[in-house]
């Protein structure tokens, strides 16, 4: 799949530096950055669900810990 992405010059420059430092192509560095963002987003969503469950079931969880 081909995707054209327009980046602000500053973001492009920062990605280029990161790619050079990591020994990656610019494309690979962008893919890695997107994958890391999606993983963090998913982890954040899971933590939010866990917090809601913990709040909802706080009394039960407390009794189970006794």
Protein backbone atom coordinates (compact mmCIF):
# COMPACT_ATOMS: atom_id res chain seq x y z
CA UNK A 1 0.00 0.00 0.00
CA UNK A 2 1.29 3.42 -0.83
CA UNK A 3 0.60 6.41 1.35
CA UNK A 4 1.74 9.94 0.81
CA UNK A 5 2.26 11.85 4.00
CA UNK A 6 2.88 15.57 4.28
CA UNK A 7 4.93 16.44 7.32
CA UNK A 8 5.89 19.82 8.67
CA UNK A 9 9.55 20.52 7.94
CA UNK A 10 10.49 20.36 11.64
CA UNK A 11 8.84 16.94 12.12
CA UNK A 12 10.51 15.64 8.96
CA UNK A 13 13.90 16.87 10.17
CA UNK A 14 13.44 15.27 13.60
CA UNK A 15 12.39 11.98 12.02
CA UNK A 16 15.40 12.10 9.69
CA UNK A 17 17.76 12.62 12.65
CA UNK A 18 16.12 9.76 14.57
CA UNK A 19 16.33 7.48 11.53
CA UNK A 20 20.00 8.29 11.01
CA UNK A 21 20.77 7.73 14.70
CA UNK A 22 18.96 4.36 14.67
CA UNK A 23 20.37 3.28 11.31
CA UNK A 24 16.90 3.09 9.78
CA UNK A 25 15.40 4.44 6.60
CA UNK A 26 13.04 7.36 7.02
CA UNK A 27 10.13 5.11 6.08
CA UNK A 28 11.10 2.50 8.69
CA UNK A 29 11.43 5.18 11.34
CA UNK A 30 7.94 6.48 10.55
CA UNK A 31 6.48 2.96 10.73
CA UNK A 32 8.22 2.35 14.08
CA UNK A 33 6.95 5.68 15.45
CA UNK A 34 3.38 4.89 14.39
CA UNK A 35 3.55 1.37 15.84
CA UNK A 36 4.85 2.73 19.16
CA UNK A 37 2.09 5.36 19.22
CA UNK A 38 -0.60 2.74 18.58
CA UNK A 39 0.81 0.47 21.29
CA UNK A 40 0.82 3.33 23.83
CA UNK A 41 -2.72 4.25 22.83
CA UNK A 42 -3.91 0.67 23.31
CA UNK A 43 -2.13 0.40 26.69
CA UNK A 44 -3.74 3.65 27.77
CA UNK A 45 -7.19 2.36 26.80
CA UNK A 46 -6.64 -0.88 28.73
CA UNK A 47 -5.49 1.06 31.81
CA UNK A 48 -8.59 3.27 31.60
CA UNK A 49 -10.83 0.20 31.47
CA UNK A 50 -8.99 -1.35 34.41
CA UNK A 51 -9.43 1.87 36.43
CA UNK A 52 -13.17 1.90 35.71
CA UNK A 53 -13.49 -1.75 36.75
CA UNK A 54 -11.45 -1.14 39.90
CA UNK A 55 -13.61 1.85 40.83
CA UNK A 56 -16.84 0.01 40.04
CA UNK A 57 -15.80 -3.10 41.98
CA UNK A 58 -13.74 -1.42 44.72
CA UNK A 59 -15.77 -2.92 47.57
CA UNK A 60 -15.61 -6.44 46.11
CA UNK A 61 -11.88 -6.13 45.45
CA UNK A 62 -11.34 -4.94 49.00
CA UNK A 63 -13.27 -7.90 50.43
CA UNK A 64 -11.35 -10.33 48.22
CA UNK A 65 -8.06 -8.94 49.48
CA UNK A 66 -9.02 -9.70 53.12
